[in-house]
Amino acid sequence: MINAKDHKQSYLFDPWDYLGPKRRKLMEESWAGLFRKEILNNLPVSELARHFEDGIGRPTKELYTALGVQILQQMNDLTDEETVEQLAFNTKWHFALDIPDESDEAKYMSLKTLWSLRKVIVESGIDTLLFNQVTDTLARVFSVDTSRQRFDSVHIRSNMKRLGRIGLFVRCIHKFLVNLQRQQANLFASLPQELVDKYLTKKSLSCFSMVKPSETERTLVAVSTDLFDLTRRFPDHPGVMSMSSFHQLLRVLEEQCAVTQTPEGSPVEVAVKPAKEVSSASLQNPSDPEATYDGHKGQGYQVQVMETYCATENREKTLNLITHIELETSCQSDVHALIPAIESTERWGLVPDEILADSLYGSDENLGRARERGVEVVSPTMGAPQKDKVGLAEFTFSAGGKVIACPGGYAPVTAKHKKGGYTAAFNHDYCNTCPLKATCPGKDGKKYRYLHYDDKARRVAVRRAAERTDEFKEKYRWRSGIEATMSEYNKKTGVKQLRVRGFASVRFCVFLKAIGINLFRATAVRKAINALQGAPGQGKSALDGVILVFKELYGKIGKLLEQSCASSEHYNVYELKNAA
C-alpha cells in the first residue's frame, strides 16, 4: 500500500514551535530549511510509487521520507547504520523531511527497508531523475544564469581492492571455485585436490600476495596455465556456462593471455601478454567487473561534471550550480563527453551559451558540433607548437580563410581555395631574403613558394593565434575554478572513495552526492542574500515590527488552544476561538 504524505498542506498549529525563535532561525537558514521548503515537495515520488501496489499489502515507508533519506545519506557521507540513527534522532533531519510525528513508524527505518528502497531507485534510474529535478528546482528558485559554464572530469574509486595481474588471476579462479562448489558439487568433486588446495583456502591465497619480484614471471605463467585449464575442463556444460564467474575466467583469458592454436583450430598453449598490450578496458577486479583502468589515474571510474560560474563582483550571492553529472568508465576519453553534456542540459533548459573546458574536450569536431547547437566552447588546442619553427598560426588570415600575410609581413601573389584545401603562393624574391625561411612551412616550387593547408589546419591555426591574446586568457582563467568544485565534491561527500561497487550503484552515489553539493552551495548563497537584506537600513520598516507582534500574539493564542484541548475531553472549537 502506497504511503505518501501531502507536504504542501499546512499545519493548524506549528509543530516546530518548541524550538524557540533562535533555534528555529538557525534551522530555517540551514540546508534543512532549504530542503524542506524547496526540495521535498518536488521529489519524484510518483516514479517511486509505480513500484508498489496501491491498496494491497502493508503501507510503505512514507515515500517522501524514503527518497529524502537517500539524498541526506549521500550528501553527508554516512554508512547505513549511521543513516538509520540520524533519521531516528536528528532534529535537523526531521525538520528537513517534515516529520513532526514522534512515532517509530515515522522516524524509524530498518536497514532492510533502506536497502530495498535503494535497490529500487538504482535499478529504475530514479537517481538520474532526482538529480535533474532538484537541479531544475534550484535553478528556478535562485534564478541561476546558465549562460556561462565550465566542464571537467574527476577520477573516483569504488569499494574494490587494487589487484596486480597475479592477484587478478587468483581472485577469478577462487571466485569460480567457490561458485562451482555451491552450484555444481559433482563437477567440483572431479577437480584435482591440488588445484582446490592451491586456490580455495585463505592461507593459500595469502601466499600469492608474498611473491618475490624475481618469481613474479614464473608465478604469473603458472596461474595463467591453471586458469586456461579450468576454461577447457567444462566444454559447453550448460550449468557452468551460465555462471558469471566462469565468464569472468573467459574474459581474463582473452584480455590477458594469447592462446596459440593448431591449424585445425584447437588450442595448444597459453602465454601471458605483455602489460602494454592489455587494454585499459580489461577486467580490474572480479568484485567490480565494470571498473576499468586509466593510464594516468589508475583503476576505477570517472565523473563528468559541468557547473555554472559567475565572473562578476557578486560571486558570493550567485549560486554556482552543478547542471550536469555523468558517470563513465575510466578508460573512456573526455573527447566524447562534451556533446552528451550539452544535450542533457538542453532537455532541462539549462543549456549554456559558453563552456570553458580542457583541451581534450575542445577537439575541432566538438567545437563544430557545439557551434551548431549555439554553444561556444572555449578550450586550448591539443598539443604544443614546435619550438623554433614557424607555425600556421603565425600567418594572417582573411574572414574567408585565405592567407593575406606571412609572418614576415609579405602578401601572397595568389591565394586559392578549392574543395576544402587552400594554397597561397609567395614570391621567391621575398622568401629568399626572409630570415624565417629555414623554419617556414612553405615549400619551394618552380614559379613560387607555396603554402598548402586545409580547413581544419586553418581553424586550429586561428585558435592558436587567439589563445595568445589577453582576451582569451582573461576568459579562460575561470575554468580553473572547477578544480575547487572537485575538491569540495570529495571532501564534503567522499565521492572519491565510495562504499559500493558496480556501475549502477556507483552512479547512484555520484548523482545524489552532487545534489548534496548543490544544496550546500544554495544554503550558503541564501544566507549571504538574507544577510544583505537583513542588514541595517536594507528594507526594514516599522510595519515589520507590527507584523512580528501579531505573530507572537497568534502563537500565544495557539498555545492556549492546545492547553484547553488537552484539559477537556469535550469542547467547542468555535466557542473557544471566540473566547480567545
Protein backbone atom coordinates (compact mmCIF):
# COMPACT_ATOMS: atom_id res chain seq x y z
CA MET A 1 0.00 0.00 0.00
CA ILE A 2 1.38 3.38 -1.02
CA ASN A 3 2.01 5.84 1.80
CA ALA A 4 2.80 9.38 0.63
CA LYS A 5 2.06 12.44 2.75
CA ASP A 6 0.95 15.73 1.21
CA HIS A 7 3.65 18.10 2.48
CA LYS A 8 2.07 21.09 0.77
CA GLN A 9 -0.75 21.05 3.31
CA SER A 10 -0.02 23.48 6.14
CA TYR A 11 -0.44 22.75 9.87
CA LEU A 12 -3.11 24.32 12.05
CA PHE A 13 -0.50 24.66 14.81
CA ASP A 14 3.23 24.94 14.14
CA PRO A 15 4.77 21.58 15.21
CA TRP A 16 8.25 23.14 15.36
CA ASP A 17 7.33 25.92 17.76
CA TYR A 18 9.15 24.14 20.59
CA LEU A 19 12.49 25.04 19.01
CA GLY A 20 12.20 28.67 20.06
CA PRO A 21 12.92 31.70 17.86
CA LYS A 22 16.72 31.43 17.84
CA ARG A 23 16.97 27.71 17.13
CA ARG A 24 14.14 27.99 14.64
CA LYS A 25 16.06 30.72 12.81
CA LEU A 26 19.16 28.54 12.67
CA MET A 27 17.07 25.68 11.35
CA GLU A 28 15.42 27.78 8.66
CA GLU A 29 18.78 29.16 7.50
CA SER A 30 20.43 25.73 7.33
CA TRP A 31 20.27 23.24 4.44
CA ALA A 32 17.38 21.58 6.29
CA GLY A 33 15.19 24.65 5.88
CA LEU A 34 16.02 24.92 2.18
CA PHE A 35 15.37 21.21 1.64
CA ARG A 36 12.01 21.32 3.42
CA LYS A 37 10.81 24.46 1.67
CA GLU A 38 12.00 23.96 -1.91
CA ILE A 39 13.12 20.37 -2.49
CA LEU A 40 10.91 17.99 -0.50
CA ASN A 41 7.68 18.67 -2.40
CA ASN A 42 9.43 18.32 -5.77
CA LEU A 43 10.89 14.85 -5.25
CA PRO A 44 9.78 12.33 -7.95
CA VAL A 45 7.60 10.31 -5.59
CA SER A 46 5.25 9.31 -8.41
CA GLU A 47 8.10 7.42 -10.12
CA LEU A 48 8.91 5.53 -6.92
CA ALA A 49 5.21 4.79 -6.27
CA ARG A 50 4.99 2.85 -9.55
CA HIS A 51 6.93 0.03 -7.95
CA PHE A 52 4.32 -0.53 -5.25
CA GLU A 53 0.66 -1.57 -5.30
CA ASP A 54 -1.92 0.86 -4.00
CA GLY A 55 -4.45 -0.82 -1.73
CA ILE A 56 -2.54 -4.09 -1.40
CA GLY A 57 -0.22 -5.14 1.42
CA ARG A 58 1.19 -3.19 4.32
CA PRO A 59 1.81 0.55 3.93
CA THR A 60 5.16 1.52 2.51
CA LYS A 61 7.55 3.80 4.32
CA GLU A 62 6.41 7.38 3.67
CA LEU A 63 7.76 7.90 0.15
CA TYR A 64 8.94 11.49 0.53
CA THR A 65 10.92 10.36 3.56
CA ALA A 66 12.21 7.34 1.63
CA LEU A 67 13.65 9.48 -1.17
CA GLY A 68 14.84 12.26 1.12
CA VAL A 69 16.78 9.87 3.37
CA GLN A 70 18.72 8.55 0.38
CA ILE A 71 19.82 12.10 -0.54
CA LEU A 72 20.73 13.05 3.03
CA GLN A 73 22.78 9.87 3.47
CA GLN A 74 24.93 10.53 0.42
CA MET A 75 25.36 14.27 0.94
CA ASN A 76 26.61 13.64 4.50
CA ASP A 77 28.65 10.54 3.53
CA LEU A 78 27.06 8.24 6.11
CA THR A 79 27.02 4.48 6.50
CA ASP A 80 23.68 2.67 6.52
CA GLU A 81 23.76 2.27 10.29
CA GLU A 82 24.53 5.98 10.78
CA THR A 83 21.68 6.86 8.43
CA VAL A 84 19.14 4.89 10.45
CA GLU A 85 20.38 6.59 13.61
CA GLN A 86 20.22 10.10 12.12
CA LEU A 87 16.67 9.52 10.91
CA ALA A 88 15.67 8.34 14.36
CA PHE A 89 17.20 11.12 16.47
CA ASN A 90 18.44 14.07 14.38
CA THR A 91 16.04 17.02 14.65
CA LYS A 92 17.57 18.67 11.58
CA TRP A 93 16.70 15.61 9.53
CA HIS A 94 13.16 15.61 10.95
CA PHE A 95 12.73 19.27 10.01
CA ALA A 96 14.14 18.74 6.52
CA LEU A 97 11.86 15.76 5.88
CA ASP A 98 8.87 17.42 7.61
CA ILE A 99 8.38 14.66 10.22
CA PRO A 100 6.83 16.17 13.37
CA ASP A 101 5.38 12.80 14.42
CA GLU A 102 7.36 11.05 17.17
CA SER A 103 6.24 7.51 16.31
CA ASP A 104 8.62 4.76 15.20
CA GLU A 105 6.59 4.42 12.04
CA ALA A 106 7.56 7.96 11.04
CA LYS A 107 11.15 8.20 12.28
CA TYR A 108 12.49 4.67 12.15
CA MET A 109 13.68 2.79 9.07
CA SER A 110 15.22 -0.65 9.22
CA LEU A 111 18.36 -1.50 7.31
CA LYS A 112 16.41 -3.93 5.14
CA THR A 113 13.96 -1.18 4.14
CA LEU A 114 16.83 1.20 3.39
CA TRP A 115 18.50 -1.41 1.18
CA SER A 116 15.28 -2.35 -0.61
CA LEU A 117 14.40 1.25 -1.42
CA ARG A 118 17.92 1.93 -2.66
CA LYS A 119 17.75 -1.12 -4.92
CA VAL A 120 14.50 0.11 -6.46
CA ILE A 121 15.96 3.58 -7.06
CA VAL A 122 19.17 2.20 -8.58
CA GLU A 123 17.52 -0.32 -10.89
CA SER A 124 14.81 2.05 -12.13
CA GLY A 125 17.13 5.04 -12.76
CA ILE A 126 15.26 7.34 -10.36
CA ASP A 127 18.64 8.67 -9.19
CA THR A 128 19.10 10.46 -12.52
CA LEU A 129 15.61 11.94 -12.31
CA LEU A 130 16.26 13.02 -8.72
CA PHE A 131 19.35 14.99 -9.74
CA ASN A 132 17.67 16.62 -12.72
CA GLN A 133 14.53 17.67 -10.83
CA VAL A 134 16.40 19.04 -7.81
CA THR A 135 18.80 20.92 -10.09
CA ASP A 136 15.93 22.36 -12.09
CA THR A 137 14.22 23.48 -8.86
CA LEU A 138 17.34 25.22 -7.52
CA ALA A 139 18.00 26.88 -10.87
CA ARG A 140 14.47 28.30 -10.85
CA VAL A 141 14.43 29.35 -7.17
CA PHE A 142 17.82 31.12 -7.34
CA SER A 143 17.39 32.44 -10.91
CA VAL A 144 20.66 30.82 -11.95
CA ASP A 145 22.31 32.24 -15.04
CA THR A 146 23.33 29.19 -17.08
CA SER A 147 24.90 31.10 -19.98
CA ARG A 148 28.44 30.53 -18.67
CA GLN A 149 29.51 27.06 -17.60
CA ARG A 150 32.71 25.06 -17.18
CA PHE A 151 33.39 21.37 -17.68
CA ASP A 152 35.86 18.78 -16.37
CA SER A 153 36.12 15.21 -15.09
CA VAL A 154 37.24 13.62 -11.81
CA HIS A 155 38.51 10.09 -11.16
CA ILE A 156 36.80 8.05 -8.43
CA ARG A 157 37.15 4.55 -6.97
CA SER A 158 34.54 2.04 -5.96
CA ASN A 159 34.93 -0.18 -2.91
CA MET A 160 37.33 -2.64 -4.52
CA LYS A 161 40.89 -3.71 -3.86
CA ARG A 162 43.64 -2.78 -6.30
CA LEU A 163 44.90 -6.02 -7.81
CA GLY A 164 48.00 -6.78 -9.83
CA ARG A 165 47.95 -9.30 -12.65
CA ILE A 166 48.71 -12.26 -10.37
CA GLY A 167 46.04 -11.15 -7.92
CA LEU A 168 43.50 -10.81 -10.74
CA PHE A 169 44.09 -14.35 -11.99
CA VAL A 170 43.99 -15.81 -8.48
CA ARG A 171 40.83 -13.95 -7.42
CA CYS A 172 38.96 -15.00 -10.56
CA ILE A 173 39.92 -18.65 -10.08
CA HIS A 174 38.99 -18.52 -6.39
CA LYS A 175 35.60 -16.95 -7.12
CA PHE A 176 34.83 -19.56 -9.78
CA LEU A 177 35.76 -22.47 -7.49
CA VAL A 178 33.57 -21.12 -4.68
CA ASN A 179 30.57 -20.79 -7.01
CA LEU A 180 31.24 -24.18 -8.61
CA GLN A 181 31.29 -25.84 -5.18
CA ARG A 182 27.91 -24.27 -4.33
CA GLN A 183 26.12 -24.81 -7.64
CA GLN A 184 27.78 -27.86 -9.24
CA ALA A 185 29.05 -30.10 -6.42
CA ASN A 186 29.56 -33.11 -8.69
CA LEU A 187 31.77 -31.19 -11.10
CA PHE A 188 33.69 -29.63 -8.21
CA ALA A 189 34.44 -33.08 -6.81
CA SER A 190 36.09 -34.04 -10.09
CA LEU A 191 38.73 -31.29 -9.81
CA PRO A 192 42.28 -32.21 -8.72
CA GLN A 193 42.72 -31.74 -4.99
CA GLU A 194 45.99 -29.92 -5.57
CA LEU A 195 44.17 -27.24 -7.58
CA VAL A 196 41.48 -26.85 -4.93
CA ASP A 197 44.01 -26.54 -2.11
CA LYS A 198 46.00 -24.04 -4.11
CA TYR A 199 43.21 -21.52 -4.71
CA LEU A 200 40.32 -22.20 -2.35
CA THR A 201 41.80 -21.83 1.13
CA LYS A 202 42.51 -18.41 2.61
CA LYS A 203 46.00 -19.45 3.68
CA SER A 204 47.00 -20.40 0.16
CA LEU A 205 45.52 -17.17 -1.24
CA SER A 206 47.67 -15.09 1.09
CA CYS A 207 50.79 -16.77 -0.32
CA PHE A 208 50.22 -15.14 -3.70
CA SER A 209 50.48 -11.68 -2.15
CA MET A 210 54.01 -12.51 -0.93
CA VAL A 211 55.53 -13.49 -4.25
CA LYS A 212 59.11 -12.24 -4.66
CA PRO A 213 59.79 -9.93 -7.60
CA SER A 214 62.22 -12.46 -9.02
CA GLU A 215 59.47 -15.12 -9.07
CA THR A 216 56.70 -12.91 -10.47
CA GLU A 217 57.02 -14.05 -14.07
CA ARG A 218 57.11 -17.73 -13.19
CA THR A 219 54.10 -17.40 -10.86
CA LEU A 220 52.16 -15.50 -13.50
CA VAL A 221 52.77 -18.28 -16.03
CA ALA A 222 51.62 -20.90 -13.51
CA VAL A 223 48.35 -19.18 -12.57
CA SER A 224 47.54 -18.38 -16.20
CA THR A 225 48.01 -22.04 -17.08
CA ASP A 226 45.67 -23.09 -14.26
CA LEU A 227 43.05 -20.61 -15.47
CA PHE A 228 43.40 -21.87 -19.04
CA ASP A 229 42.97 -25.48 -17.91
CA LEU A 230 39.81 -24.59 -15.98
CA THR A 231 38.23 -22.98 -19.04
CA ARG A 232 38.89 -26.15 -21.07
CA ARG A 233 37.73 -28.59 -18.40
CA PHE A 234 33.98 -27.92 -18.83
CA PRO A 235 33.33 -27.59 -22.56
CA ASP A 236 29.78 -26.45 -23.29
CA HIS A 237 28.42 -27.55 -19.91
CA PRO A 238 25.14 -25.59 -19.51
CA GLY A 239 25.40 -25.25 -15.73
CA VAL A 240 28.92 -23.88 -15.89
CA MET A 241 28.36 -21.71 -18.94
CA SER A 242 25.56 -19.87 -17.12
CA MET A 243 27.86 -18.85 -14.23
CA SER A 244 29.06 -15.24 -14.30
CA SER A 245 32.31 -16.24 -12.59
CA PHE A 246 33.08 -18.61 -15.48
CA HIS A 247 32.51 -15.81 -17.98
CA GLN A 248 35.00 -13.74 -15.99
CA LEU A 249 37.56 -16.52 -16.44
CA LEU A 250 36.99 -16.41 -20.19
CA ARG A 251 37.25 -12.61 -20.17
CA VAL A 252 40.57 -12.62 -18.28
CA LEU A 253 41.91 -15.30 -20.60
CA GLU A 254 41.02 -13.25 -23.67
CA GLU A 255 42.30 -9.93 -22.30
CA GLN A 256 45.46 -11.07 -20.52
CA CYS A 257 46.63 -14.11 -22.48
CA ALA A 258 47.48 -15.16 -26.01
CA VAL A 259 46.37 -18.69 -26.90
CA THR A 260 48.15 -20.37 -29.79
CA GLN A 261 46.16 -22.83 -31.89
CA THR A 262 46.83 -25.69 -34.24
CA PRO A 263 45.89 -25.43 -37.93
CA GLU A 264 42.71 -27.32 -37.01
CA GLY A 265 41.76 -24.58 -34.54
CA SER A 266 42.22 -26.48 -31.27
CA PRO A 267 44.13 -24.60 -28.52
CA VAL A 268 47.64 -25.75 -27.71
CA GLU A 269 49.21 -23.45 -25.12
CA VAL A 270 48.70 -20.13 -23.38
CA ALA A 271 51.13 -17.23 -22.92
CA VAL A 272 50.67 -14.08 -20.85
CA LYS A 273 50.54 -10.90 -22.94
CA PRO A 274 52.99 -8.08 -22.22
CA ALA A 275 51.42 -5.48 -19.93
CA LYS A 276 51.49 -2.83 -22.69
CA GLU A 277 49.28 -4.98 -24.90
CA VAL A 278 46.49 -5.31 -22.33
CA SER A 279 43.56 -2.97 -22.99
CA SER A 280 42.63 -0.32 -20.44
CA ALA A 281 39.05 -1.64 -20.68
CA SER A 282 40.16 -5.00 -19.24
CA LEU A 283 38.82 -6.51 -16.01
CA GLN A 284 40.42 -4.94 -12.92
CA ASN A 285 38.71 -6.83 -10.12
CA PRO A 286 36.08 -9.64 -10.27
CA SER A 287 34.14 -7.90 -7.49
CA ASP A 288 33.54 -4.89 -9.77
CA PRO A 289 33.61 -6.11 -13.39
CA GLU A 290 32.60 -2.71 -14.82
CA ALA A 291 35.56 -0.80 -13.38
CA THR A 292 38.35 -0.10 -15.89
CA TYR A 293 41.79 1.47 -15.98
CA ASP A 294 43.14 4.94 -16.76
CA GLY A 295 46.82 5.26 -17.62
CA HIS A 296 47.23 8.44 -15.57
CA LYS A 297 44.84 7.93 -12.64
CA GLY A 298 44.54 4.16 -12.19
CA GLN A 299 41.59 1.83 -11.66
CA GLY A 300 38.01 2.97 -11.15
CA TYR A 301 35.52 5.29 -12.83
CA GLN A 302 35.38 8.92 -13.90
CA VAL A 303 32.66 11.51 -13.41
CA GLN A 304 31.93 14.29 -15.90
CA VAL A 305 30.92 17.49 -14.10
CA MET A 306 29.56 20.72 -15.59
CA GLU A 307 28.66 23.75 -13.49
CA THR A 308 27.71 27.38 -13.86
CA TYR A 309 30.07 30.11 -12.71
CA CYS A 310 29.96 33.84 -12.07
CA ALA A 311 32.63 36.23 -13.32
CA THR A 312 31.20 39.35 -11.67
CA GLU A 313 31.68 41.02 -8.29
CA ASN A 314 28.59 39.41 -6.71
CA ARG A 315 30.03 35.90 -6.71
CA GLU A 316 29.17 35.20 -3.06
CA LYS A 317 25.49 35.89 -3.78
CA THR A 318 25.40 33.85 -7.00
CA LEU A 319 24.79 30.11 -7.00
CA ASN A 320 27.38 28.05 -8.90
CA LEU A 321 25.09 25.16 -9.78
CA ILE A 322 26.19 21.73 -10.98
CA THR A 323 23.97 21.29 -14.04
CA HIS A 324 25.28 18.02 -15.44
CA ILE A 325 26.68 14.81 -13.95
CA GLU A 326 27.56 11.65 -15.84
CA LEU A 327 29.41 8.51 -14.77
CA GLU A 328 31.78 6.79 -17.20
CA THR A 329 34.31 4.01 -17.09
CA SER A 330 37.78 5.44 -16.57
CA CYS A 331 39.07 4.16 -19.91
CA GLN A 332 36.75 6.47 -21.85
CA SER A 333 38.21 9.62 -23.36
CA ASP A 334 36.94 13.05 -22.36
CA VAL A 335 36.57 13.96 -26.02
CA HIS A 336 33.29 12.04 -26.22
CA ALA A 337 31.68 13.66 -23.15
CA LEU A 338 31.04 17.23 -24.31
CA ILE A 339 28.15 16.83 -26.75
CA PRO A 340 26.12 14.47 -24.49
CA ALA A 341 26.52 17.03 -21.69
CA ILE A 342 25.14 19.81 -23.92
CA GLU A 343 22.23 17.58 -24.96
CA SER A 344 21.46 16.77 -21.32
CA THR A 345 21.30 20.44 -20.31
CA GLU A 346 19.13 21.20 -23.35
CA ARG A 347 16.48 18.76 -22.14
CA TRP A 348 16.17 20.61 -18.82
CA GLY A 349 16.52 24.15 -20.13
CA LEU A 350 19.97 24.66 -18.58
CA VAL A 351 21.99 24.81 -21.79
CA PRO A 352 24.95 27.25 -21.74
CA ASP A 353 25.99 29.80 -24.31
CA GLU A 354 29.66 29.33 -23.47
CA ILE A 355 31.62 26.40 -21.98
CA LEU A 356 35.16 26.51 -20.61
CA ALA A 357 36.89 23.14 -20.92
CA ASP A 358 40.25 21.40 -21.16
CA SER A 359 41.93 20.76 -24.49
CA LEU A 360 40.67 17.15 -24.60
CA TYR A 361 37.08 18.41 -24.83
CA GLY A 362 37.98 21.05 -27.41
CA SER A 363 38.56 18.93 -30.48
CA ASP A 364 37.80 20.53 -33.81
CA GLU A 365 34.82 18.22 -34.31
CA ASN A 366 33.39 19.02 -30.88
CA LEU A 367 33.68 22.76 -31.48
CA GLY A 368 31.83 22.42 -34.76
CA ARG A 369 29.01 20.29 -33.33
CA ALA A 370 28.66 22.59 -30.31
CA ARG A 371 28.54 25.65 -32.55
CA GLU A 372 25.65 24.07 -34.47
CA ARG A 373 23.75 23.99 -31.16
CA GLY A 374 24.55 27.62 -30.42
CA VAL A 375 27.25 26.86 -27.82
CA GLU A 376 30.73 28.35 -27.91
CA VAL A 377 33.45 26.10 -26.47
CA VAL A 378 36.49 27.94 -25.11
CA SER A 379 39.32 25.43 -24.97
CA PRO A 380 43.04 25.35 -25.79
CA THR A 381 44.07 23.36 -28.85
CA MET A 382 45.61 19.94 -28.39
CA GLY A 383 49.39 19.67 -28.50
CA ALA A 384 52.03 22.35 -28.40
CA PRO A 385 53.57 24.10 -31.44
CA GLN A 386 57.10 23.04 -32.31
CA LYS A 387 59.76 25.32 -30.92
CA ASP A 388 62.00 27.29 -33.29
CA LYS A 389 59.56 26.67 -36.15
CA VAL A 390 57.05 28.95 -37.80
CA GLY A 391 53.55 27.54 -37.50
CA LEU A 392 50.43 28.22 -39.48
CA ALA A 393 49.19 30.31 -36.55
CA GLU A 394 51.83 32.94 -37.37
CA PHE A 395 50.13 33.75 -40.69
CA THR A 396 47.31 36.27 -41.06
CA PHE A 397 44.02 35.03 -42.48
CA SER A 398 41.07 36.76 -44.08
CA ALA A 399 37.48 36.14 -42.98
CA GLY A 400 37.17 33.62 -45.82
CA GLY A 401 40.15 31.58 -44.62
CA LYS A 402 42.74 32.71 -47.17
CA VAL A 403 46.24 33.86 -46.16
CA ILE A 404 46.68 37.60 -46.57
CA ALA A 405 50.14 37.95 -44.99
CA CYS A 406 53.01 35.72 -43.87
CA PRO A 407 54.92 36.15 -40.56
CA GLY A 408 57.43 38.31 -42.41
CA GLY A 409 54.67 40.72 -43.46
CA TYR A 410 54.61 39.80 -47.18
CA ALA A 411 51.33 39.29 -49.01
CA PRO A 412 50.95 36.25 -51.30
CA VAL A 413 50.92 36.65 -55.03
CA THR A 414 47.88 34.39 -55.28
CA ALA A 415 45.60 32.68 -52.73
CA LYS A 416 43.22 29.93 -53.85
CA HIS A 417 40.59 27.77 -52.19
CA LYS A 418 39.37 24.54 -53.72
CA LYS A 419 37.46 21.58 -52.16
CA GLY A 420 38.45 22.35 -48.58
CA GLY A 421 42.10 22.95 -49.47
CA TYR A 422 43.94 26.27 -49.58
CA THR A 423 47.05 27.29 -51.47
CA ALA A 424 48.99 30.54 -51.04
CA ALA A 425 51.84 31.41 -53.44
CA PHE A 426 54.65 33.75 -52.35
CA ASN A 427 57.29 35.49 -54.46
CA HIS A 428 60.72 33.82 -54.37
CA ASP A 429 62.42 37.20 -54.19
CA TYR A 430 60.78 37.94 -50.83
CA CYS A 431 61.15 34.46 -49.40
CA ASN A 432 64.85 34.07 -50.28
CA THR A 433 65.72 37.16 -48.26
CA CYS A 434 63.42 36.33 -45.31
CA PRO A 435 65.24 35.31 -42.08
CA LEU A 436 62.34 32.89 -41.27
CA LYS A 437 62.72 30.84 -44.45
CA ALA A 438 64.52 27.92 -42.78
CA THR A 439 61.64 27.35 -40.33
CA CYS A 440 58.75 28.37 -42.61
CA PRO A 441 56.17 25.65 -43.50
CA GLY A 442 56.12 26.85 -47.14
CA LYS A 443 57.73 24.72 -49.89
CA ASP A 444 59.69 25.95 -52.90
CA GLY A 445 58.12 25.44 -56.31
CA LYS A 446 59.23 26.21 -59.87
CA LYS A 447 57.43 29.52 -60.06
CA TYR A 448 56.53 30.42 -56.44
CA ARG A 449 56.98 29.26 -52.86
CA TYR A 450 53.74 27.51 -51.89
CA LEU A 451 51.89 27.08 -48.61
CA HIS A 452 49.26 24.30 -48.56
CA TYR A 453 46.71 23.78 -45.76
CA ASP A 454 43.14 22.59 -45.26
CA ASP A 455 40.10 23.89 -43.36
CA LYS A 456 40.92 22.04 -40.15
CA ALA A 457 44.52 23.25 -40.10
CA ARG A 458 43.30 26.80 -40.69
CA ARG A 459 40.78 26.60 -37.82
CA VAL A 460 43.43 25.23 -35.47
CA ALA A 461 45.83 27.99 -36.53
CA VAL A 462 43.23 30.67 -35.87
CA ARG A 463 42.56 29.16 -32.44
CA ARG A 464 46.26 29.09 -31.57
CA ALA A 465 46.59 32.73 -32.53
CA ALA A 466 43.55 33.65 -30.40
CA GLU A 467 44.99 31.80 -27.36
CA ARG A 468 47.84 34.31 -27.19
CA THR A 469 45.52 37.26 -26.71
CA ASP A 470 44.73 38.79 -23.31
CA GLU A 471 41.02 38.40 -24.04
CA PHE A 472 41.32 34.61 -24.25
CA LYS A 473 43.49 34.41 -21.12
CA GLU A 474 41.04 36.53 -19.14
CA LYS A 475 38.11 34.40 -20.24
CA TYR A 476 39.77 31.02 -19.81
CA ARG A 477 41.18 31.70 -16.34
CA TRP A 478 37.75 30.99 -14.85
CA ARG A 479 37.99 27.34 -15.89
CA SER A 480 40.37 26.58 -13.02
CA GLY A 481 37.54 27.21 -10.55
CA ILE A 482 36.08 23.78 -11.28
CA GLU A 483 39.10 22.21 -9.57
CA ALA A 484 37.77 23.66 -6.32
CA THR A 485 34.44 22.03 -7.10
CA MET A 486 36.12 18.63 -7.45
CA SER A 487 37.84 19.14 -4.10
CA GLU A 488 34.56 20.16 -2.45
CA TYR A 489 32.79 17.22 -4.09
CA ASN A 490 35.26 14.84 -2.46
CA LYS A 491 35.82 16.44 0.95
CA LYS A 492 32.16 17.04 1.75
CA THR A 493 30.64 13.89 0.27
CA GLY A 494 33.54 11.40 -0.04
CA VAL A 495 32.86 10.73 -3.71
CA LYS A 496 36.40 9.54 -4.50
CA GLN A 497 36.22 6.61 -2.08
CA LEU A 498 32.79 5.02 -2.25
CA ARG A 499 31.33 2.20 -0.17
CA VAL A 500 29.67 0.46 -3.11
CA ARG A 501 30.69 -1.50 -6.20
CA GLY A 502 29.17 -1.82 -9.65
CA PHE A 503 28.32 0.82 -12.24
CA ALA A 504 24.67 1.28 -11.23
CA SER A 505 25.42 1.64 -7.51
CA VAL A 506 28.34 3.99 -8.15
CA ARG A 507 26.12 6.11 -10.42
CA PHE A 508 23.51 6.33 -7.65
CA CYS A 509 26.08 7.71 -5.19
CA VAL A 510 27.58 10.09 -7.73
CA PHE A 511 24.25 11.71 -8.61
CA LEU A 512 22.97 12.05 -5.03
CA LYS A 513 26.27 13.42 -3.74
CA ALA A 514 26.14 16.06 -6.50
CA ILE A 515 22.67 17.01 -5.21
CA GLY A 516 24.26 17.47 -1.79
CA ILE A 517 26.89 19.86 -3.16
CA ASN A 518 24.19 21.93 -4.84
CA LEU A 519 22.25 22.07 -1.56
CA PHE A 520 25.29 23.13 0.47
CA ARG A 521 26.07 25.87 -2.03
CA ALA A 522 22.49 27.05 -2.26
CA THR A 523 22.32 27.29 1.53
CA ALA A 524 25.44 29.48 1.65
CA VAL A 525 24.10 31.75 -1.11
CA ARG A 526 20.75 32.10 0.65
CA LYS A 527 22.50 33.09 3.88
CA ALA A 528 24.50 35.74 2.04
CA ILE A 529 21.35 37.14 0.41
CA ASN A 530 19.41 37.15 3.69
CA ALA A 531 22.30 38.85 5.49
CA LEU A 532 22.30 41.62 2.92
CA GLN A 533 18.52 42.04 3.09
CA GLY A 534 18.53 41.97 6.89
CA ALA A 535 21.35 44.48 7.33
CA PRO A 536 20.57 47.85 8.94
CA GLY A 537 18.92 50.22 6.52
CA GLN A 538 18.21 47.47 3.99
CA GLY A 539 14.45 47.39 3.67
CA LYS A 540 13.41 47.22 7.37
CA SER A 541 10.35 49.23 8.33
CA ALA A 542 8.05 49.82 11.30
CA LEU A 543 5.48 47.54 9.68
CA ASP A 544 7.84 44.58 10.15
CA GLY A 545 7.75 45.12 13.92
CA VAL A 546 3.95 45.26 13.95
CA ILE A 547 3.76 42.00 11.99
CA LEU A 548 6.17 40.36 14.43
CA VAL A 549 3.99 41.37 17.39
CA PHE A 550 0.90 39.85 15.78
CA LYS A 551 2.83 36.64 15.06
CA GLU A 552 3.85 36.33 18.70
CA LEU A 553 0.26 37.03 19.83
CA TYR A 554 -1.09 34.40 17.45
CA GLY A 555 1.45 31.90 18.78
CA LYS A 556 0.33 32.52 22.38
CA ILE A 557 -3.33 32.06 21.38
CA GLY A 558 -2.39 28.77 19.70
CA LYS A 559 -0.72 27.53 22.89
CA LEU A 560 -3.83 28.42 24.93
CA LEU A 561 -5.97 26.44 22.48
CA GLU A 562 -3.67 23.41 22.77
CA GLN A 563 -3.76 23.54 26.57
CA SER A 564 -7.55 23.85 26.56
CA CYS A 565 -7.85 20.93 24.15
CA ALA A 566 -5.63 18.77 26.30
CA SER A 567 -7.51 19.53 29.58
CA SER A 568 -11.02 18.94 28.22
CA GLU A 569 -12.42 15.81 26.60
CA HIS A 570 -15.35 17.69 25.01
CA TYR A 571 -15.09 21.23 23.75
CA ASN A 572 -16.45 23.52 21.10
CA VAL A 573 -13.64 24.87 18.91
CA TYR A 574 -15.77 27.75 17.64
CA GLU A 575 -16.62 28.95 21.16
CA LEU A 576 -13.01 28.58 22.30
CA LYS A 577 -11.73 30.69 19.41
CA ASN A 578 -14.35 33.38 20.12
CA ALA A 579 -13.32 33.43 23.75
CA ALA A 580 -9.71 33.91 22.74
